[in-house]
């Protein structure tokens, strides 16, 4: 049936801007790691003026063309909303109702996006080469490489559907996570039909306040979800911008849910890379500076490991040395980071060319998550570091068990894992008691004791 949907004629679809227009108009910010997904970022700035599923208003009512469009949709859906719920660079999403009464979201790829994306990448490559010729320090060919690799994956909506099922299965134990189900009989490479799920954007504090959603709970659960993806499974959703992460109160259970959308771009982490990344974050959280240097070097940073630690955590080198889990983020530190980002642009460029390609999308993902935390005012909370530590402990224990055959040694590793997780839980309980009303009263009482 999905094949018939693709036969709906295209009346008028135009992309107003190409990558060249994007580069010309947008002031490049090299501290903005979303540039990694240049193809999408460029096209997002475009003005998409028409699309075949919204073109009814340009077709005269009662004409043969009008009824041809209408009949194709009525065969598949009892109701189809011609006004899109949202439009993006690659597609737009329409709300529809199947003949059995189920509400679905239909994601339809813009008809000319395949051809346009190839032109975008070509223009981008020419511009990057031209700028590099004029300014030799500008060596951002990795942008082109990443766009060439990722764009075909994003243009295949069947790949997106499979990714959504994989992550749903891997994170099935996270009861707060909702991944919409895919209707495979109504899906092709250019049309993806899925369960309709609505909610407010994850950075919409007013929506959360109006619906009784705890901001700290959302931030903590978001951290849990991504820590599991990165450290445990090595299968990472790399586009957590607010439009792809919704929150809502479930009507049945009354529990808060996070809805994860747009599964077109995932990063699969190699085991050795993932283990070294785990150990690096453990070293950062535990203020183990020799470990920070060791594992940064293993991840390709070389002598630029201090800069790498700062880029990874979005903290100053002073804060990294003092302990990112214990030193709060300040306004002056943010100003210092922005200033240094401009001063050390050549070194940042060198660093990005050194590190493994799979690190690039992780940096971009960290950047988006950090932006959400900043909006929610939960950035660098102790709970986020505790969740990361817990996942790192589990991931490293699993890795060690996979390398040995001795049951006795496996038992030792498991017992050690359980001990470290228990100690972490006790620390979490201590922090909770310290911040609770009872903890405050005890602190006040102790203050009066001699």
Protein backbone atom coordinates (compact mmCIF):
# COMPACT_ATOMS: atom_id res chain seq x y z
CA UNK A 1 0.00 0.00 0.00
CA UNK A 2 2.87 2.34 0.74
CA UNK A 3 3.99 2.08 -2.87
CA UNK A 4 0.66 3.54 -3.96
CA UNK A 5 1.15 6.46 -1.65
CA UNK A 6 4.38 7.28 -3.45
CA UNK A 7 2.48 7.52 -6.72
CA UNK A 8 0.60 10.59 -5.51
CA UNK A 9 1.75 13.22 -8.03
CA UNK A 10 4.08 15.98 -7.07
CA UNK A 11 2.47 19.31 -7.90
CA UNK A 12 5.17 21.66 -6.77
CA UNK A 13 8.14 21.14 -4.49
CA UNK A 14 11.04 23.54 -4.27
CA UNK A 15 14.02 23.88 -2.01
CA UNK A 16 14.80 27.58 -1.85
CA UNK A 17 18.38 27.22 -0.68
CA UNK A 18 21.28 24.89 -1.24
CA UNK A 19 24.38 24.37 0.85
CA UNK A 20 26.05 27.29 -0.87
CA UNK A 21 23.25 29.62 0.24
CA UNK A 22 23.65 28.26 3.77
CA UNK A 23 27.37 28.99 3.88
CA UNK A 24 26.86 32.41 2.37
CA UNK A 25 24.12 33.50 4.75
CA UNK A 26 24.98 31.72 7.99
CA UNK A 27 27.91 32.92 10.02
CA UNK A 28 29.96 29.80 10.73
CA UNK A 29 30.42 28.97 14.39
CA UNK A 30 33.08 26.28 14.68
CA UNK A 31 32.15 25.70 18.29
CA UNK A 32 28.74 24.53 17.02
CA UNK A 33 29.24 20.80 16.47
CA UNK A 34 25.91 20.51 14.66
CA UNK A 35 27.94 21.42 11.59
CA UNK A 36 28.83 17.73 11.46
CA UNK A 37 25.41 17.10 9.99
CA UNK A 38 25.90 19.80 7.41
CA UNK A 39 23.53 18.33 4.86
CA UNK A 40 20.59 18.56 7.22
CA UNK A 41 21.67 21.84 8.81
CA UNK A 42 21.99 23.46 5.42
CA UNK A 43 18.64 22.27 4.19
CA UNK A 44 16.96 23.20 7.46
CA UNK A 45 17.65 26.84 6.60
CA UNK A 46 15.87 26.36 3.31
CA UNK A 47 12.34 27.58 2.71
CA UNK A 48 10.36 24.54 1.58
CA UNK A 49 7.46 26.20 -0.18
CA UNK A 50 5.40 23.26 -1.43
CA UNK A 51 5.01 19.53 -1.08
CA UNK A 52 2.75 17.05 -2.74
CA UNK A 53 0.73 16.19 0.33
CA UNK A 54 0.04 19.84 1.13
CA UNK A 55 -0.67 20.96 -2.41
CA UNK A 56 -4.46 20.59 -2.33
CA UNK A 57 -4.96 24.31 -1.85
CA UNK A 58 -3.24 24.93 -5.19
CA UNK A 59 -5.46 22.47 -7.04
CA UNK A 60 -8.90 23.67 -8.11
CA UNK A 61 -11.66 21.80 -6.31
CA UNK A 62 -13.52 19.28 -8.47
CA UNK A 63 -10.86 18.96 -11.15
CA UNK A 64 -9.52 15.59 -12.27
CA UNK A 65 -6.20 16.38 -10.64
CA UNK A 66 -7.87 17.11 -7.32
CA UNK A 67 -9.81 13.83 -7.20
CA UNK A 68 -6.74 11.83 -8.27
CA UNK A 69 -4.89 13.12 -5.22
CA UNK A 70 -7.85 12.64 -2.91
CA UNK A 71 -8.62 9.08 -4.00
CA UNK A 72 -5.09 7.83 -3.42
CA UNK A 73 -5.12 9.08 0.15
CA UNK A 74 -8.64 7.81 0.89
CA UNK A 75 -7.62 4.29 -0.13
CA UNK A 76 -5.02 4.22 2.63
CA UNK A 77 -6.48 6.42 5.34
CA UNK A 78 -9.88 7.18 6.82
CA UNK A 79 -8.56 10.68 7.52
CA UNK A 80 -5.42 12.49 6.39
CA UNK A 81 -4.52 15.94 7.66
CA UNK A 82 -3.22 17.91 4.70
CA UNK A 83 -1.49 20.41 6.99
CA UNK A 84 1.81 18.94 8.20
CA UNK A 85 2.46 18.59 11.92
CA UNK A 86 6.03 19.61 11.24
CA UNK A 87 8.47 20.12 8.38
CA UNK A 88 12.20 19.52 8.33
CA UNK A 89 15.03 19.34 5.84
CA UNK A 90 14.33 15.84 4.56
CA UNK A 91 10.62 15.32 5.11
CA UNK A 92 7.42 16.48 6.72
CA UNK A 93 5.04 14.65 9.00
CA UNK A 94 1.26 14.39 8.63
CA UNK A 95 -1.30 13.11 11.08
CA UNK A 96 -3.65 10.46 9.73
CA UNK A 97 -6.20 7.87 10.86
CA UNK A 98 -6.22 4.31 9.52
CA UNK A 99 -9.46 2.61 8.55
CA UNK A 100 -9.29 0.56 11.78
CA UNK A 101 -9.30 3.77 13.86
CA UNK A 102 -5.63 3.92 14.85
CA UNK A 103 -3.96 7.33 14.65
CA UNK A 104 -0.62 7.40 12.85
CA UNK A 105 2.09 9.82 11.84
CA UNK A 106 3.12 9.67 8.18
CA UNK A 107 6.62 10.94 7.46
CA UNK A 108 6.97 11.72 3.75
CA UNK A 109 10.30 12.53 2.15
CA UNK A 110 10.38 15.62 -0.04
CA UNK A 111 10.34 14.38 -3.66
CA UNK A 112 13.50 16.15 -4.80
CA UNK A 113 15.57 15.73 -1.66
CA UNK A 114 17.60 12.79 -3.01
CA UNK A 115 18.78 14.80 -6.00
CA UNK A 116 19.15 18.00 -3.99
CA UNK A 117 21.25 16.36 -1.25
CA UNK A 118 23.81 15.18 -3.81
CA UNK A 119 24.11 18.72 -5.11
CA UNK A 120 24.39 20.05 -1.56
CA UNK A 121 27.29 17.74 -0.76
CA UNK A 122 29.04 18.61 -4.02
CA UNK A 123 28.67 22.34 -3.36
CA UNK A 124 29.85 21.86 0.21
CA UNK A 125 32.93 19.93 -0.94
CA UNK A 126 33.82 22.65 -3.45
CA UNK A 127 33.39 25.39 -0.84
CA UNK A 128 35.43 23.55 1.81
CA UNK A 129 38.24 22.88 -0.69
CA UNK A 130 38.13 26.50 -1.83
CA UNK A 131 38.27 27.91 1.68
CA UNK A 132 41.07 25.46 2.57
CA UNK A 133 43.05 26.71 -0.44
CA UNK A 134 42.63 30.32 0.73
CA UNK A 135 43.11 29.54 4.42
CA UNK A 136 45.30 26.43 4.91
CA UNK A 137 44.42 26.25 8.65
CA UNK A 138 40.82 25.55 7.64
CA UNK A 139 40.89 21.75 7.21
CA UNK A 140 37.31 20.63 7.60
CA UNK A 141 37.14 17.93 4.94
CA UNK A 142 35.78 15.62 7.63
CA UNK A 143 32.53 17.57 7.28
CA UNK A 144 32.24 16.36 3.71
CA UNK A 145 33.22 12.81 4.63
CA UNK A 146 30.59 12.63 7.37
CA UNK A 147 27.89 14.08 5.11
CA UNK A 148 28.69 11.57 2.36
CA UNK A 149 28.49 8.70 4.83
CA UNK A 150 25.41 9.76 6.78
CA UNK A 151 23.14 11.29 4.17
CA UNK A 152 22.27 8.02 2.33
CA UNK A 153 21.37 6.43 5.67
CA UNK A 154 19.07 9.30 6.59
CA UNK A 155 17.38 9.24 3.21
CA UNK A 156 16.39 5.60 3.66
CA UNK A 157 13.37 5.64 5.97
CA UNK A 158 13.41 1.84 6.23
CA UNK A 159 16.79 2.20 7.93
CA UNK A 160 15.20 4.69 10.33
CA UNK A 161 12.41 2.23 11.12
CA UNK A 162 14.88 -0.57 11.85
CA UNK A 163 16.95 1.73 14.09
CA UNK A 164 13.86 2.63 16.10
CA UNK A 165 13.07 -1.05 16.69
CA UNK A 166 16.65 -1.85 17.69
CA UNK A 167 16.87 0.94 20.26
CA UNK A 168 13.39 0.12 21.56
CA UNK A 169 14.47 -3.48 22.21
CA UNK A 170 17.80 -2.53 23.77
CA UNK A 171 16.18 -0.01 26.15
CA UNK A 172 12.96 -1.91 26.81
CA UNK A 173 13.70 -1.92 30.56
CA UNK A 174 13.49 1.88 30.67
CA UNK A 175 9.77 2.20 31.34
CA UNK A 176 9.81 5.98 30.84
CA UNK A 177 10.99 5.67 27.22
CA UNK A 178 8.45 5.59 24.38
CA UNK A 179 9.53 4.78 20.82
CA UNK A 180 6.62 4.87 18.31
CA UNK A 181 5.81 1.55 16.63
CA UNK A 182 6.40 1.28 12.88
CA UNK A 183 3.65 0.25 10.44
CA UNK A 184 5.80 -1.67 7.96
CA UNK A 185 2.94 -2.34 5.53
CA UNK A 186 2.64 1.42 5.03
CA UNK A 187 6.35 2.22 4.85
CA UNK A 188 8.99 2.43 2.11
CA UNK A 189 12.35 4.12 1.69
CA UNK A 190 10.58 7.47 1.26
CA UNK A 191 7.47 7.04 3.42
CA UNK A 192 7.51 6.01 7.07
CA UNK A 193 4.23 5.41 8.86
CA UNK A 194 4.40 5.07 12.63
CA UNK A 195 2.32 5.25 15.77
CA UNK A 196 1.28 8.83 16.51
CA UNK A 197 2.71 10.20 19.76
CA UNK A 198 2.31 13.78 20.91
CA UNK A 199 3.86 15.78 23.71
CA UNK A 200 5.79 18.93 24.50
CA UNK A 201 9.37 19.53 23.48
CA UNK A 202 11.93 18.51 26.06
CA UNK A 203 13.15 22.10 26.46
CA UNK A 204 9.65 23.56 26.98
CA UNK A 205 9.62 24.39 30.68
CA UNK A 206 6.20 26.05 30.46
CA UNK A 207 4.66 22.89 28.99
CA UNK A 208 6.17 20.80 31.78
CA UNK A 209 4.92 23.20 34.44
CA UNK A 210 1.41 23.19 32.97
CA UNK A 211 1.30 19.38 32.86
CA UNK A 212 2.92 18.72 36.24
CA UNK A 213 6.13 17.25 34.79
CA UNK A 214 9.23 17.33 37.00
CA UNK A 215 12.09 19.00 35.11
CA UNK A 216 14.77 17.26 37.18
CA UNK A 217 13.18 13.86 36.55
CA UNK A 218 13.20 14.49 32.79
CA UNK A 219 16.84 15.58 32.83
CA UNK A 220 17.85 12.56 34.91
CA UNK A 221 15.96 10.11 32.69
CA UNK A 222 17.43 11.67 29.56
CA UNK A 223 20.89 11.15 31.05
CA UNK A 224 20.07 7.52 31.92
CA UNK A 225 18.83 6.85 28.40
CA UNK A 226 21.88 8.26 26.65
CA UNK A 227 24.35 6.75 29.13
CA UNK A 228 22.85 3.33 28.36
CA UNK A 229 23.08 3.96 24.61
CA UNK A 230 26.68 5.16 24.71
CA UNK A 231 28.39 3.11 27.40
CA UNK A 232 26.37 -0.13 27.53
CA UNK A 233 25.15 -0.74 23.99
CA UNK A 234 27.31 1.48 21.77
CA UNK A 235 24.24 2.27 19.66
CA UNK A 236 23.63 6.00 19.90
CA UNK A 237 20.78 8.20 18.65
CA UNK A 238 22.73 11.19 17.33
CA UNK A 239 20.06 13.83 16.85
CA UNK A 240 18.56 14.68 20.26
CA UNK A 241 17.48 18.19 19.37
CA UNK A 242 14.29 19.30 21.19
CA UNK A 243 12.03 18.58 18.20
CA UNK A 244 13.02 14.91 18.35
CA UNK A 245 12.65 14.49 22.12
CA UNK A 246 9.13 14.98 23.47
CA UNK A 247 7.78 14.64 27.01
CA UNK A 248 4.29 13.92 28.27
CA UNK A 249 2.25 12.49 31.13
CA UNK A 250 0.87 9.07 30.20
CA UNK A 251 -2.93 9.19 30.50
CA UNK A 252 -3.16 5.61 31.77
CA UNK A 253 -0.24 5.32 34.20
CA UNK A 254 0.11 9.07 34.96
CA UNK A 255 3.86 8.56 34.72
CA UNK A 256 6.16 10.89 32.82
CA UNK A 257 7.36 9.58 29.46
CA UNK A 258 10.12 10.61 27.07
CA UNK A 259 9.23 10.08 23.39
CA UNK A 260 12.22 9.61 21.12
CA UNK A 261 11.68 10.46 17.44
CA UNK A 262 13.72 10.60 14.21
CA UNK A 263 15.94 7.54 14.26
CA UNK A 264 17.63 8.18 10.93
CA UNK A 265 21.11 8.83 12.28
CA UNK A 266 22.78 6.44 14.74
CA UNK A 267 26.40 5.91 15.62
CA UNK A 268 27.58 2.35 16.24
CA UNK A 269 30.59 2.44 18.57
CA UNK A 270 33.35 -0.12 18.16
CA UNK A 271 33.98 -2.15 21.38
CA UNK A 272 37.54 -0.90 21.99
CA UNK A 273 36.49 2.70 21.36
CA UNK A 274 33.50 2.35 23.69
CA UNK A 275 35.61 0.85 26.51
CA UNK A 276 38.24 3.59 26.27
CA UNK A 277 35.47 6.20 26.19
CA UNK A 278 33.99 4.65 29.36
CA UNK A 279 37.36 4.76 31.10
CA UNK A 280 37.93 8.35 30.01
CA UNK A 281 34.63 9.49 31.51
CA UNK A 282 35.34 7.56 34.71
CA UNK A 283 38.67 9.34 34.94
CA UNK A 284 37.02 12.73 34.35
CA UNK A 285 34.38 12.11 37.02
CA UNK A 286 36.88 10.70 39.53
CA UNK A 287 39.38 13.53 38.93
CA UNK A 288 41.99 10.98 37.79
CA UNK A 289 44.22 13.21 35.66
CA UNK A 290 46.73 10.48 34.64
CA UNK A 291 43.71 8.45 33.47
CA UNK A 292 42.34 11.45 31.56
CA UNK A 293 45.66 11.77 29.70
CA UNK A 294 46.01 8.01 29.10
CA UNK A 295 42.57 7.42 27.65
CA UNK A 296 42.47 10.71 25.74
CA UNK A 297 45.64 9.61 23.98
CA UNK A 298 44.10 6.21 23.25
CA UNK A 299 41.20 8.03 21.62
CA UNK A 300 43.56 9.90 19.31
CA UNK A 301 43.90 13.27 21.07
CA UNK A 302 47.69 12.99 21.53
CA UNK A 303 49.30 16.02 23.17
CA UNK A 304 46.01 17.90 22.80
CA UNK A 305 44.42 15.83 25.58
CA UNK A 306 43.73 18.89 27.81
CA UNK A 307 41.83 20.54 24.95
CA UNK A 308 40.05 17.25 24.24
CA UNK A 309 38.89 17.00 27.87
CA UNK A 310 37.58 20.57 27.72
CA UNK A 311 35.75 20.01 24.41
CA UNK A 312 34.24 16.76 25.67
CA UNK A 313 32.93 18.18 28.94
CA UNK A 314 32.40 21.81 27.85
CA UNK A 315 34.30 22.79 31.00
CA UNK A 316 37.47 24.79 31.53
CA UNK A 317 40.76 23.00 32.22
CA UNK A 318 40.65 24.42 35.75
CA UNK A 319 37.25 22.78 36.32
CA UNK A 320 38.48 19.49 34.83
CA UNK A 321 41.44 19.48 37.23
CA UNK A 322 39.20 20.38 40.17
CA UNK A 323 36.61 17.72 39.34
CA UNK A 324 33.69 18.29 36.97
CA UNK A 325 31.32 16.42 39.29
CA UNK A 326 32.06 18.71 42.23
CA UNK A 327 32.66 22.16 40.69
CA UNK A 328 29.45 23.90 39.50
CA UNK A 329 29.26 25.64 36.13
CA UNK A 330 29.54 29.43 36.41
CA UNK A 331 28.80 32.27 34.01
CA UNK A 332 32.46 33.33 34.03
CA UNK A 333 33.50 29.81 33.07
CA UNK A 334 31.08 29.83 30.13
CA UNK A 335 32.52 33.17 28.95
CA UNK A 336 36.04 31.73 29.29
CA UNK A 337 35.09 28.69 27.20
CA UNK A 338 33.61 30.80 24.41
CA UNK A 339 36.65 33.06 24.36
CA UNK A 340 39.07 30.14 24.26
CA UNK A 341 37.07 28.46 21.50
CA UNK A 342 37.94 31.39 19.24
CA UNK A 343 41.54 31.66 20.41
CA UNK A 344 42.28 27.97 19.95
CA UNK A 345 40.43 27.41 16.69
CA UNK A 346 43.50 25.99 14.85
CA UNK A 347 44.12 23.53 17.71
CA UNK A 348 40.44 22.54 17.77
CA UNK A 349 40.62 22.01 14.03
CA UNK A 350 43.69 19.80 14.49
CA UNK A 351 41.98 17.85 17.27
CA UNK A 352 38.86 17.16 15.20
CA UNK A 353 41.03 15.84 12.41
CA UNK A 354 42.90 13.53 14.79
CA UNK A 355 40.11 11.81 16.70
CA UNK A 356 38.16 8.84 15.31
CA UNK A 357 35.21 9.71 13.08
CA UNK A 358 32.75 8.04 15.46
CA UNK A 359 33.76 10.59 18.09
CA UNK A 360 32.47 13.46 15.95
CA UNK A 361 28.81 12.50 16.24
CA UNK A 362 29.27 11.81 19.96
CA UNK A 363 30.60 15.33 20.43
CA UNK A 364 27.63 16.71 18.53
CA UNK A 365 25.25 14.57 20.62
CA UNK A 366 26.87 15.76 23.86
CA UNK A 367 26.50 19.33 22.63
CA UNK A 368 22.76 18.95 22.00
CA UNK A 369 22.17 17.22 25.34
CA UNK A 370 24.12 19.92 27.13
CA UNK A 371 21.95 22.54 25.45
CA UNK A 372 18.81 20.85 26.76
CA UNK A 373 20.27 20.67 30.28
CA UNK A 374 21.19 24.35 30.11
CA UNK A 375 17.63 25.28 29.13
CA UNK A 376 16.21 23.13 31.93
CA UNK A 377 18.76 24.57 34.41
CA UNK A 378 19.96 21.06 35.30
CA UNK A 379 23.39 21.20 33.70
CA UNK A 380 26.19 19.25 35.40
CA UNK A 381 23.88 17.89 38.11
CA UNK A 382 25.27 15.21 40.41
CA UNK A 383 22.59 12.75 39.30
CA UNK A 384 23.80 12.88 35.68
CA UNK A 385 27.35 12.00 36.72
CA UNK A 386 26.08 9.20 38.98
CA UNK A 387 24.10 7.70 36.09
CA UNK A 388 27.14 7.91 33.81
CA UNK A 389 29.32 6.26 36.45
CA UNK A 390 26.79 3.48 36.96
CA UNK A 391 26.68 2.71 33.23
CA UNK A 392 30.48 2.85 32.96
CA UNK A 393 30.83 0.33 35.80
CA UNK A 394 28.36 -2.04 34.15
CA UNK A 395 29.92 -1.65 30.70
CA UNK A 396 33.47 -2.31 31.89
CA UNK A 397 32.38 -5.33 33.94
CA UNK A 398 30.55 -6.76 30.91
CA UNK A 399 33.65 -6.16 28.76
CA UNK A 400 35.92 -7.95 31.27
CA UNK A 401 33.58 -10.95 31.51
CA UNK A 402 33.54 -11.25 27.71
CA UNK A 403 37.33 -11.63 27.66
CA UNK A 404 37.66 -14.55 30.09
CA UNK A 405 36.32 -18.09 30.41
CA UNK A 406 37.01 -18.80 34.09
CA UNK A 407 33.76 -18.95 36.06
CA UNK A 408 35.59 -18.04 39.23
CA UNK A 409 37.03 -14.91 37.65
CA UNK A 410 33.61 -14.01 36.20
CA UNK A 411 32.13 -14.29 39.68
CA UNK A 412 34.86 -12.04 41.09
CA UNK A 413 34.17 -9.43 38.41
CA UNK A 414 30.42 -9.59 39.08
CA UNK A 415 30.89 -9.23 42.84
CA UNK A 416 33.23 -6.27 42.32
CA UNK A 417 30.67 -4.72 39.96
CA UNK A 418 27.90 -5.17 42.54
CA UNK A 419 30.07 -3.62 45.26
CA UNK A 420 30.88 -0.53 43.19
CA UNK A 421 27.23 -0.12 42.17
CA UNK A 422 26.15 -0.47 45.82
CA UNK A 423 28.71 2.13 46.90
CA UNK A 424 27.46 4.47 44.20
CA UNK A 425 23.86 3.95 45.36
CA UNK A 426 24.87 4.75 48.94
CA UNK A 427 26.52 7.95 47.76
CA UNK A 428 23.36 8.83 45.82
CA UNK A 429 21.29 8.19 48.97
CA UNK A 430 23.65 10.40 50.96
CA UNK A 431 23.23 13.25 48.48
CA UNK A 432 19.44 12.84 48.58
CA UNK A 433 19.35 12.92 52.38
CA UNK A 434 21.69 15.90 52.42
CA UNK A 435 19.37 17.84 50.11
CA UNK A 436 16.13 16.73 51.81
CA UNK A 437 14.29 18.64 54.51
CA UNK A 438 15.51 16.15 57.13
CA UNK A 439 19.10 16.66 56.01
CA UNK A 440 18.77 20.43 56.23
CA UNK A 441 17.33 20.20 59.75
CA UNK A 442 20.17 17.91 60.88
CA UNK A 443 22.73 20.28 59.35
CA UNK A 444 21.15 23.23 61.13
CA UNK A 445 21.15 21.29 64.40
CA UNK A 446 24.80 20.33 64.07
CA UNK A 447 25.68 23.95 63.40
CA UNK A 448 24.54 24.86 66.93
CA UNK A 449 26.57 22.09 68.59
CA UNK A 450 29.91 23.09 70.13
